[in-house]
Amino acid sequence: MIKQKQIAGYGLYLLLILLPFQTRYFLVERSIGGAFFEYGSFTVYATEILLWFLVLYEIFWFLFRKRYKNIPPDERVHRLILKFFQERPIIAWSLIFLSYAALSALWSVNREQTLFYIIRLTEALLVLWLITLSREKKRSMLLTFVIGVALQSAFGIYQFFTQIVSGSSILGIATQIPDTRGVAVVETELRRYLRAYGGLPHPNILGGWIVAGLIALVALIYDSAIRAGAFSRSRLVLPFLLVYSLLFTALILTFSRSAGAAFVLGIGVFFAYGVFHKKTRYRGLELLCLTAILSIFFGILLKEPLTERGTGLVFNRNSGRLEQKSSWERSQGLRDAWILYKKNPLLGSGLGTYTTALARLYPERPVYEVQPAHSVPVLISVELGIVGAFFAFLSFYHIVAYLLRRRKILGIVLFCAFFAFSLFDHYLWTLYSGVLLIGVCFGFGIVSDDE
């Protein structure tokens, strides 16, 4: 007979593997000029249903198990929730920020949109709660997460070399080919290269998941090195290096600059930790050599598109048409954000309403020009105002202080990587796959060993 612990554990493993998949049901579809408007539509993902089942199952099992039969219900709630938050201030501060974000519904320019985004942020906190509450081993959860990312990576590699993303209504994937307008490509003088999507809405999002997977994998490698005395003596050396190669290859094929920056920052912190921390005595030489070999190989094989993406880091005349267009759109997004911010600098337009406010400000714009600014701090400032930005700063400050005080190296590395993401992309704040990724990774950061 399957025990409660097994049901909760298997359910969490399944959730970690399936989270990147975009299978969803549209509750409300919105459009601008007859074109589908993603940021104004309401959808329910299949993984959301699984998440809420696991949350309710954990609560029900805790409140009604026999060992707490003689404890009053209010005391059980205290043990399950209040005491849990008190022992983990990182979650308590996240809850404070979420509470203020929920209050923004009172003055939001679109109350329905705000309430919908409150649910999204709540789900991120619930994922974090499930991971920290789980009785499963940290290594097992990290390994399961890496397997899920590896599946997406293999899918993305296949897409790049076949130069097509095959659509699937079941998996929530739209057909993408390089010649179609709006598809994420790298355009050179010779051709248009389709970037790797995996099962996610955009290559940058796949890049974010891959970076998180690589960091989780490196954490497993460090753990194996400590257990075996040396990574080279570990039985997992070959499988881990093969998976690392798979993930790093897929990361390159996303051509995501923000993911590349986050990877360098996050892995750099890990390597520095290995060099200066006496307990590990692992310097990561195998990973450094493997990373260098793969970088040189793909640098030669994909010299033209990689060079094109590199020149697009700054707006200059040598950049290609699409890179110049991308740079202009990012700068235009910041200008739009400043205009929206000045309309209500104290309280903001309301959680999740940036694109709605932008569409009302410029009703003549087509849907592809009604996009969030590519910066999470900017979006928070516009949607929640000075007060919300202050609460966000307090939350992040206490999160960093907690991670440093408890010496949670995995949490510190993930925070550094996601801070880089937040400066150059918006999906960690605006899209389900990004918001839930934060919950998963900070859950791992909290349960990581104190070292």
Protein backbone atom coordinates (compact mmCIF):
# COMPACT_ATOMS: atom_id res chain seq x y z
CA MET A 1 0.00 0.00 0.00
CA ILE A 2 1.37 3.43 -0.93
CA LYS A 3 1.93 5.56 2.16
CA GLN A 4 1.19 9.25 2.53
CA LYS A 5 4.89 10.07 2.45
CA GLN A 6 5.28 8.25 -0.88
CA ILE A 7 2.29 10.00 -2.46
CA ALA A 8 3.59 13.42 -1.45
CA GLY A 9 7.13 12.55 -2.55
CA TYR A 10 6.19 11.09 -5.93
CA GLY A 11 3.83 14.00 -6.54
CA LEU A 12 6.58 16.52 -5.85
CA TYR A 13 9.00 14.67 -8.15
CA LEU A 14 6.39 14.65 -10.90
CA LEU A 15 5.77 18.38 -10.41
CA LEU A 16 9.49 19.19 -10.67
CA ILE A 17 9.77 17.30 -13.97
CA LEU A 18 6.57 18.65 -15.55
CA LEU A 19 6.75 22.32 -14.48
CA PRO A 20 8.45 23.53 -17.71
CA PHE A 21 5.68 22.08 -19.88
CA GLN A 22 3.05 24.58 -21.02
CA THR A 23 -0.09 22.41 -21.17
CA ARG A 24 -2.91 24.79 -20.28
CA TYR A 25 -6.58 25.65 -20.64
CA PHE A 26 -7.67 29.16 -21.63
CA LEU A 27 -10.28 30.60 -19.29
CA VAL A 28 -10.31 34.04 -20.94
CA GLU A 29 -8.58 34.97 -24.20
CA ARG A 30 -7.88 38.64 -24.80
CA SER A 31 -6.73 40.24 -28.03
CA ILE A 32 -5.40 43.55 -29.33
CA GLY A 33 -6.23 44.41 -32.92
CA GLY A 34 -7.47 40.86 -33.48
CA ALA A 35 -4.15 39.33 -32.33
CA PHE A 36 -3.82 37.16 -29.22
CA PHE A 37 -2.69 39.10 -26.13
CA GLU A 38 -0.77 36.80 -23.78
CA TYR A 39 -0.45 39.19 -20.86
CA GLY A 40 -4.16 39.96 -20.72
CA SER A 41 -5.40 36.37 -20.98
CA PHE A 42 -6.27 34.05 -18.09
CA THR A 43 -5.14 30.42 -18.27
CA VAL A 44 -4.91 27.38 -16.01
CA TYR A 45 -1.86 25.13 -16.41
CA ALA A 46 -1.98 21.39 -15.87
CA THR A 47 0.87 21.68 -13.38
CA GLU A 48 -1.18 24.21 -11.39
CA ILE A 49 -3.79 21.53 -10.77
CA LEU A 50 -1.09 19.13 -9.57
CA LEU A 51 0.42 21.84 -7.36
CA TRP A 52 -2.87 22.65 -5.63
CA PHE A 53 -3.59 18.95 -5.15
CA LEU A 54 -0.24 18.47 -3.39
CA VAL A 55 -0.78 21.55 -1.22
CA LEU A 56 -4.27 20.49 -0.12
CA TYR A 57 -3.08 16.92 0.39
CA GLU A 58 -0.25 18.06 2.68
CA ILE A 59 -2.58 20.28 4.70
CA PHE A 60 -5.28 17.61 5.02
CA TRP A 61 -2.80 14.91 5.99
CA PHE A 62 -1.18 17.13 8.63
CA LEU A 63 -4.42 18.31 10.21
CA PHE A 64 -6.03 14.88 10.45
CA ARG A 65 -3.24 12.40 11.10
CA LYS A 66 -3.60 10.37 14.29
CA ARG A 67 -0.52 11.64 16.13
CA TYR A 68 -2.15 15.09 16.38
CA LYS A 69 -5.60 13.78 17.26
CA ASN A 70 -5.52 15.24 20.79
CA ILE A 71 -4.14 18.64 19.69
CA PRO A 72 -6.74 21.39 19.14
CA PRO A 73 -7.22 22.41 15.47
CA ASP A 74 -5.92 25.95 16.06
CA GLU A 75 -2.70 24.54 17.54
CA ARG A 76 -2.26 22.29 14.50
CA VAL A 77 -2.59 25.29 12.20
CA HIS A 78 0.01 27.09 14.30
CA ARG A 79 2.45 24.21 13.93
CA LEU A 80 1.84 23.84 10.21
CA ILE A 81 1.91 27.48 9.13
CA LEU A 82 2.82 30.08 11.75
CA LYS A 83 5.73 28.21 13.31
CA PHE A 84 6.93 27.25 9.82
CA PHE A 85 7.14 30.92 8.81
CA GLN A 86 8.76 31.91 12.09
CA GLU A 87 11.56 29.39 11.58
CA ARG A 88 12.09 30.48 7.98
CA PRO A 89 12.14 34.30 7.77
CA ILE A 90 12.91 34.13 4.05
CA ILE A 91 9.35 32.87 3.54
CA ALA A 92 7.90 35.32 6.05
CA TRP A 93 9.36 38.31 4.19
CA SER A 94 8.14 36.92 0.89
CA LEU A 95 4.68 36.70 2.43
CA ILE A 96 4.88 40.34 3.57
CA PHE A 97 5.72 41.47 0.05
CA LEU A 98 2.92 39.29 -1.36
CA SER A 99 0.45 40.84 1.09
CA TYR A 100 1.27 44.35 -0.11
CA ALA A 101 1.06 43.23 -3.74
CA ALA A 102 -2.42 41.87 -2.98
CA LEU A 103 -3.45 45.25 -1.52
CA SER A 104 -2.65 46.87 -4.87
CA ALA A 105 -5.91 45.36 -6.16
CA LEU A 106 -7.67 48.21 -4.34
CA TRP A 107 -6.26 50.85 -6.73
CA SER A 108 -5.34 48.66 -9.71
CA VAL A 109 -6.20 49.81 -13.24
CA ASN A 110 -7.39 46.23 -13.87
CA ARG A 111 -8.51 44.44 -10.72
CA GLU A 112 -9.09 41.10 -12.43
CA GLN A 113 -5.56 41.10 -13.80
CA THR A 114 -4.12 41.91 -10.39
CA LEU A 115 -6.06 39.14 -8.66
CA PHE A 116 -4.88 36.69 -11.31
CA TYR A 117 -1.23 37.65 -10.72
CA ILE A 118 -1.70 37.36 -6.95
CA ILE A 119 -2.60 33.72 -7.54
CA ARG A 120 0.60 33.28 -9.58
CA LEU A 121 2.82 34.73 -6.85
CA THR A 122 0.98 32.68 -4.24
CA GLU A 123 1.70 29.54 -6.25
CA ALA A 124 5.41 30.37 -6.30
CA LEU A 125 5.35 30.63 -2.51
CA LEU A 126 3.42 27.35 -2.28
CA VAL A 127 6.01 25.53 -4.42
CA LEU A 128 8.70 26.88 -2.12
CA TRP A 129 6.63 25.72 0.88
CA LEU A 130 6.19 22.21 -0.54
CA ILE A 131 9.92 21.81 -1.19
CA THR A 132 10.97 23.03 2.25
CA LEU A 133 8.25 20.96 3.93
CA SER A 134 9.06 17.80 1.97
CA ARG A 135 10.59 14.81 3.72
CA GLU A 136 12.44 13.86 0.53
CA LYS A 137 16.22 14.16 0.38
CA LYS A 138 17.67 17.32 -1.10
CA ARG A 139 19.82 15.31 -3.52
CA SER A 140 16.78 13.46 -4.86
CA MET A 141 14.83 16.67 -5.45
CA LEU A 142 17.77 18.34 -7.19
CA LEU A 143 18.36 15.29 -9.36
CA THR A 144 14.69 15.16 -10.36
CA PHE A 145 14.78 18.84 -11.28
CA VAL A 146 17.92 18.30 -13.39
CA ILE A 147 16.20 15.41 -15.21
CA GLY A 148 13.28 17.68 -16.09
CA VAL A 149 15.63 20.39 -17.39
CA ALA A 150 17.62 17.77 -19.33
CA LEU A 151 14.44 16.74 -21.16
CA GLN A 152 13.81 20.35 -22.16
CA SER A 153 17.46 20.72 -23.21
CA ALA A 154 17.36 17.65 -25.44
CA PHE A 155 14.15 18.95 -26.98
CA GLY A 156 15.77 22.34 -27.62
CA ILE A 157 18.87 20.83 -29.23
CA TYR A 158 16.68 18.82 -31.58
CA GLN A 159 14.74 21.96 -32.51
CA PHE A 160 17.89 23.89 -33.36
CA PHE A 161 19.42 21.24 -35.60
CA THR A 162 16.12 20.57 -37.39
CA GLN A 163 15.34 24.32 -37.46
CA ILE A 164 11.68 23.83 -36.58
CA VAL A 165 9.54 23.78 -33.44
CA SER A 166 6.71 21.33 -34.03
CA GLY A 167 3.44 22.55 -32.55
CA SER A 168 1.49 20.51 -30.01
CA SER A 169 -1.78 21.60 -28.42
CA ILE A 170 -1.32 18.98 -25.70
CA LEU A 171 2.11 20.31 -24.68
CA GLY A 172 1.12 23.93 -25.26
CA ILE A 173 3.73 24.47 -27.97
CA ALA A 174 3.17 26.69 -31.00
CA THR A 175 4.76 25.88 -34.36
CA GLN A 176 7.85 28.01 -34.97
CA ILE A 177 9.89 28.25 -38.18
CA PRO A 178 12.73 30.70 -38.87
CA ASP A 179 11.00 32.53 -41.74
CA THR A 180 7.95 33.51 -39.67
CA ARG A 181 7.78 37.03 -38.28
CA GLY A 182 7.99 37.23 -34.51
CA VAL A 183 9.87 33.94 -34.09
CA ALA A 184 13.04 34.17 -31.97
CA VAL A 185 15.95 33.87 -34.42
CA VAL A 186 19.50 35.09 -34.95
CA GLU A 187 19.70 36.78 -38.33
CA THR A 188 23.04 36.91 -40.15
CA GLU A 189 24.02 37.82 -43.70
CA LEU A 190 23.64 34.17 -44.75
CA ARG A 191 20.50 32.95 -42.97
CA ARG A 192 18.12 33.08 -40.02
CA TYR A 193 18.96 30.64 -37.19
CA LEU A 194 16.04 29.41 -35.11
CA ARG A 195 16.93 29.57 -31.43
CA ALA A 196 16.17 26.62 -29.11
CA TYR A 197 12.77 26.89 -27.40
CA GLY A 198 12.35 23.52 -25.72
CA GLY A 199 8.78 23.30 -24.47
CA LEU A 200 8.82 26.89 -23.23
CA PRO A 201 7.40 30.12 -24.72
CA HIS A 202 10.77 31.73 -25.53
CA PRO A 203 14.47 30.76 -25.75
CA ASN A 204 15.36 33.18 -22.94
CA ILE A 205 13.01 31.28 -20.62
CA LEU A 206 14.57 27.97 -21.63
CA GLY A 207 17.94 29.58 -20.89
CA GLY A 208 16.74 30.47 -17.40
CA TRP A 209 15.65 26.91 -16.67
CA ILE A 210 18.92 25.54 -18.04
CA VAL A 211 21.02 27.85 -15.87
CA ALA A 212 19.02 26.73 -12.82
CA GLY A 213 19.54 23.11 -13.90
CA LEU A 214 23.29 23.62 -14.37
CA ILE A 215 23.61 25.20 -10.92
CA ALA A 216 21.64 22.32 -9.38
CA LEU A 217 23.87 19.84 -11.22
CA VAL A 218 27.05 21.55 -10.02
CA ALA A 219 25.66 21.39 -6.47
CA LEU A 220 25.23 17.63 -6.91
CA ILE A 221 28.77 17.37 -8.28
CA TYR A 222 30.19 19.23 -5.28
CA ASP A 223 28.21 16.97 -2.97
CA SER A 224 29.56 13.88 -4.76
CA ALA A 225 33.11 15.24 -4.49
CA ILE A 226 32.69 15.66 -0.73
CA ARG A 227 31.20 12.19 -0.28
CA ALA A 228 33.82 10.38 -2.40
CA GLY A 229 36.76 12.51 -1.31
CA ALA A 230 37.30 13.48 -4.95
CA PHE A 231 34.87 13.87 -7.82
CA SER A 232 37.03 11.64 -10.05
CA ARG A 233 36.44 8.75 -7.63
CA SER A 234 32.67 9.17 -7.65
CA ARG A 235 30.57 6.59 -9.50
CA LEU A 236 28.51 9.43 -10.95
CA VAL A 237 31.38 11.27 -12.63
CA LEU A 238 30.55 10.14 -16.19
CA PRO A 239 26.73 10.54 -16.01
CA PHE A 240 27.07 13.98 -14.43
CA LEU A 241 29.56 15.19 -17.03
CA LEU A 242 27.35 13.90 -19.87
CA VAL A 243 24.31 15.70 -18.47
CA TYR A 244 26.40 18.84 -17.95
CA SER A 245 27.45 18.69 -21.61
CA LEU A 246 23.82 18.30 -22.68
CA LEU A 247 22.63 21.27 -20.63
CA PHE A 248 25.54 23.53 -21.59
CA THR A 249 25.05 22.73 -25.28
CA ALA A 250 21.37 23.64 -25.06
CA LEU A 251 22.28 26.84 -23.21
CA ILE A 252 24.49 27.91 -26.11
CA LEU A 253 21.76 27.10 -28.64
CA THR A 254 19.29 29.40 -26.89
CA PHE A 255 21.62 32.30 -27.80
CA SER A 256 20.32 33.99 -24.64
CA ARG A 257 22.62 36.76 -23.45
CA SER A 258 20.88 37.13 -20.09
CA ALA A 259 21.19 33.38 -19.47
CA GLY A 260 24.87 33.50 -20.40
CA ALA A 261 25.51 36.34 -17.96
CA ALA A 262 23.59 34.57 -15.18
CA PHE A 263 25.50 31.33 -15.84
CA VAL A 264 28.90 33.03 -15.64
CA LEU A 265 27.94 34.85 -12.43
CA GLY A 266 26.35 31.85 -10.72
CA ILE A 267 28.96 29.24 -11.64
CA GLY A 268 31.72 31.76 -10.90
CA VAL A 269 30.44 32.08 -7.32
CA PHE A 270 30.35 28.28 -7.02
CA PHE A 271 33.93 27.88 -8.27
CA ALA A 272 35.14 30.66 -5.97
CA TYR A 273 33.47 28.86 -3.08
CA GLY A 274 35.23 25.62 -4.02
CA VAL A 275 38.61 27.34 -4.14
CA PHE A 276 38.38 29.19 -0.82
CA HIS A 277 36.30 26.79 1.26
CA LYS A 278 38.46 24.18 2.95
CA LYS A 279 35.70 21.62 3.41
CA THR A 280 35.04 20.95 -0.27
CA ARG A 281 38.62 20.79 -1.57
CA TYR A 282 37.03 20.59 -5.01
CA ARG A 283 38.19 23.10 -7.58
CA GLY A 284 35.89 22.12 -10.44
CA LEU A 285 38.75 21.54 -12.89
CA GLU A 286 36.78 18.89 -14.80
CA LEU A 287 33.89 21.27 -15.31
CA LEU A 288 36.15 24.16 -16.28
CA CYS A 289 37.91 22.03 -18.90
CA LEU A 290 34.64 20.63 -20.24
CA THR A 291 33.11 24.12 -20.39
CA ALA A 292 36.16 25.45 -22.25
CA ILE A 293 36.11 22.58 -24.77
CA LEU A 294 32.40 22.98 -25.52
CA SER A 295 32.74 26.76 -25.76
CA ILE A 296 35.60 26.51 -28.26
CA PHE A 297 33.81 23.84 -30.31
CA PHE A 298 30.56 25.79 -30.64
CA GLY A 299 32.46 29.04 -31.01
CA ILE A 300 33.96 27.62 -34.20
CA LEU A 301 30.84 25.77 -35.38
CA LEU A 302 28.46 28.69 -34.76
CA LYS A 303 30.86 31.59 -35.14
CA GLU A 304 28.54 33.70 -37.28
CA PRO A 305 25.36 33.67 -35.12
CA LEU A 306 27.33 33.89 -31.86
CA THR A 307 29.26 36.89 -33.18
CA GLU A 308 26.00 38.50 -34.26
CA ARG A 309 24.53 38.08 -30.77
CA GLY A 310 27.73 39.45 -29.28
CA THR A 311 27.66 42.63 -31.35
CA GLY A 312 24.07 43.13 -30.26
CA LEU A 313 25.17 43.68 -26.66
CA VAL A 314 25.50 47.36 -27.53
CA PHE A 315 23.57 49.39 -30.06
CA ASN A 316 26.02 50.03 -32.92
CA ARG A 317 26.13 50.19 -36.68
CA ASN A 318 27.83 46.81 -36.95
CA SER A 319 24.85 45.03 -35.41
CA GLY A 320 22.40 43.21 -37.66
CA ARG A 321 18.86 44.41 -38.31
CA LEU A 322 17.22 42.24 -35.65
CA GLU A 323 19.84 43.04 -33.03
CA GLN A 324 19.37 46.77 -33.60
CA LYS A 325 15.60 46.28 -33.45
CA SER A 326 15.95 44.35 -30.18
CA SER A 327 18.12 47.08 -28.63
CA TRP A 328 15.65 49.76 -29.73
CA GLU A 329 12.69 47.83 -28.29
CA ARG A 330 14.45 47.46 -24.94
CA SER A 331 15.25 51.16 -24.75
CA GLN A 332 11.69 52.02 -25.85
CA GLY A 333 10.38 49.75 -23.11
CA LEU A 334 12.30 51.75 -20.51
CA ARG A 335 10.93 55.02 -21.91
CA ASP A 336 7.39 53.63 -21.74
CA ALA A 337 8.00 52.47 -18.18
CA TRP A 338 9.09 55.96 -17.12
CA ILE A 339 5.91 57.48 -18.57
CA LEU A 340 3.73 54.91 -16.77
CA TYR A 341 5.67 55.30 -13.54
CA LYS A 342 5.05 59.06 -13.44
CA LYS A 343 1.28 58.49 -13.56
CA ASN A 344 1.25 56.97 -10.05
CA PRO A 345 4.78 56.93 -8.60
CA LEU A 346 3.72 56.25 -5.00
CA LEU A 347 1.44 53.19 -5.36
CA GLY A 348 1.80 52.13 -9.00
CA SER A 349 -0.76 50.84 -11.49
CA GLY A 350 -1.39 47.55 -9.66
CA LEU A 351 0.24 44.13 -9.69
CA GLY A 352 0.39 42.55 -13.16
CA THR A 353 -1.10 45.54 -14.99
CA TYR A 354 1.93 46.99 -16.80
CA THR A 355 0.85 45.83 -20.27
CA THR A 356 -2.79 46.73 -19.63
CA ALA A 357 -1.78 50.27 -18.64
CA LEU A 358 0.51 50.47 -21.68
CA ALA A 359 -2.28 49.33 -24.03
CA ARG A 360 -4.60 52.02 -22.62
CA LEU A 361 -1.90 54.66 -22.99
CA TYR A 362 -1.22 53.71 -26.63
CA PRO A 363 -4.42 52.09 -27.99
CA GLU A 364 -3.13 52.37 -31.57
CA ARG A 365 -0.16 50.07 -30.96
CA PRO A 366 -0.19 46.51 -32.37
CA VAL A 367 0.04 43.65 -29.88
CA TYR A 368 3.74 42.98 -30.52
CA GLU A 369 4.54 46.50 -29.31
CA VAL A 370 2.58 46.05 -26.07
CA GLN A 371 5.24 44.15 -24.13
CA PRO A 372 6.62 44.37 -20.58
CA ALA A 373 9.84 46.28 -19.96
CA HIS A 374 12.80 43.90 -19.88
CA SER A 375 13.63 44.48 -16.22
CA VAL A 376 11.90 43.08 -13.14
CA PRO A 377 12.92 45.99 -10.85
CA VAL A 378 11.44 48.43 -13.37
CA LEU A 379 8.19 46.43 -13.58
CA ILE A 380 7.90 46.28 -9.79
CA SER A 381 8.40 50.05 -9.57
CA VAL A 382 5.74 50.76 -12.20
CA GLU A 383 3.16 48.26 -10.91
CA LEU A 384 3.67 48.70 -7.15
CA GLY A 385 5.19 52.17 -6.95
CA ILE A 386 7.74 53.50 -4.49
CA VAL A 387 6.04 51.73 -1.58
CA GLY A 388 6.07 48.38 -3.36
CA ALA A 389 9.68 48.83 -4.45
CA PHE A 390 10.59 49.56 -0.82
CA PHE A 391 8.89 46.36 0.37
CA ALA A 392 10.63 44.43 -2.42
CA PHE A 393 14.00 45.85 -1.34
CA LEU A 394 13.35 44.90 2.30
CA SER A 395 12.36 41.38 1.27
CA PHE A 396 15.44 40.88 -0.89
CA TYR A 397 17.69 42.35 1.80
CA HIS A 398 16.41 39.94 4.44
CA ILE A 399 16.55 37.02 2.01
CA VAL A 400 20.21 37.72 1.22
CA ALA A 401 21.01 38.26 4.91
CA TYR A 402 19.36 34.93 5.78
CA LEU A 403 21.25 33.04 3.07
CA LEU A 404 24.58 34.57 4.09
CA ARG A 405 23.97 34.08 7.80
CA ARG A 406 23.05 30.41 7.33
CA ARG A 407 25.78 29.97 4.68
CA LYS A 408 23.35 28.49 2.18
CA ILE A 409 25.74 28.33 -0.76
CA LEU A 410 23.19 26.95 -3.23
CA GLY A 411 20.72 29.66 -2.28
CA ILE A 412 23.38 32.36 -2.64
CA VAL A 413 24.43 31.11 -6.08
CA LEU A 414 20.83 30.90 -7.31
CA PHE A 415 20.08 34.37 -5.96
CA CYS A 416 23.09 35.82 -7.84
CA ALA A 417 21.99 34.13 -11.07
CA PHE A 418 18.38 35.25 -10.79
CA PHE A 419 19.39 38.77 -9.88
CA ALA A 420 21.21 38.90 -13.23
CA PHE A 421 18.12 37.53 -14.98
CA SER A 422 15.88 40.10 -13.33
CA LEU A 423 17.93 43.02 -14.66
CA PHE A 424 17.67 42.00 -18.32
CA ASP A 425 14.42 40.03 -18.67
CA HIS A 426 10.84 40.17 -17.45
CA TYR A 427 9.58 36.56 -17.47
CA LEU A 428 10.50 35.93 -13.81
CA TRP A 429 7.74 38.43 -12.99
CA THR A 430 5.27 38.18 -15.88
CA LEU A 431 5.00 34.52 -16.95
CA TYR A 432 3.94 31.37 -15.10
CA SER A 433 7.06 29.42 -16.07
CA GLY A 434 9.29 32.18 -14.70
CA VAL A 435 7.40 32.88 -11.48
CA LEU A 436 7.26 29.19 -10.54
CA LEU A 437 10.95 28.78 -11.37
CA ILE A 438 11.75 31.33 -8.65
CA GLY A 439 9.68 29.36 -6.13
CA VAL A 440 11.43 26.11 -7.01
CA CYS A 441 14.95 27.54 -6.86
CA PHE A 442 14.51 29.41 -3.60
CA GLY A 443 12.98 26.28 -2.15
CA PHE A 444 16.19 24.45 -3.05
CA GLY A 445 18.18 27.33 -1.60
CA ILE A 446 16.46 27.05 1.77
CA VAL A 447 16.80 23.28 2.14
CA SER A 448 20.43 23.25 1.00
CA ASP A 449 22.97 22.13 3.57
CA ASP A 450 24.60 24.66 5.85
CA GLU A 451 28.20 24.73 4.74
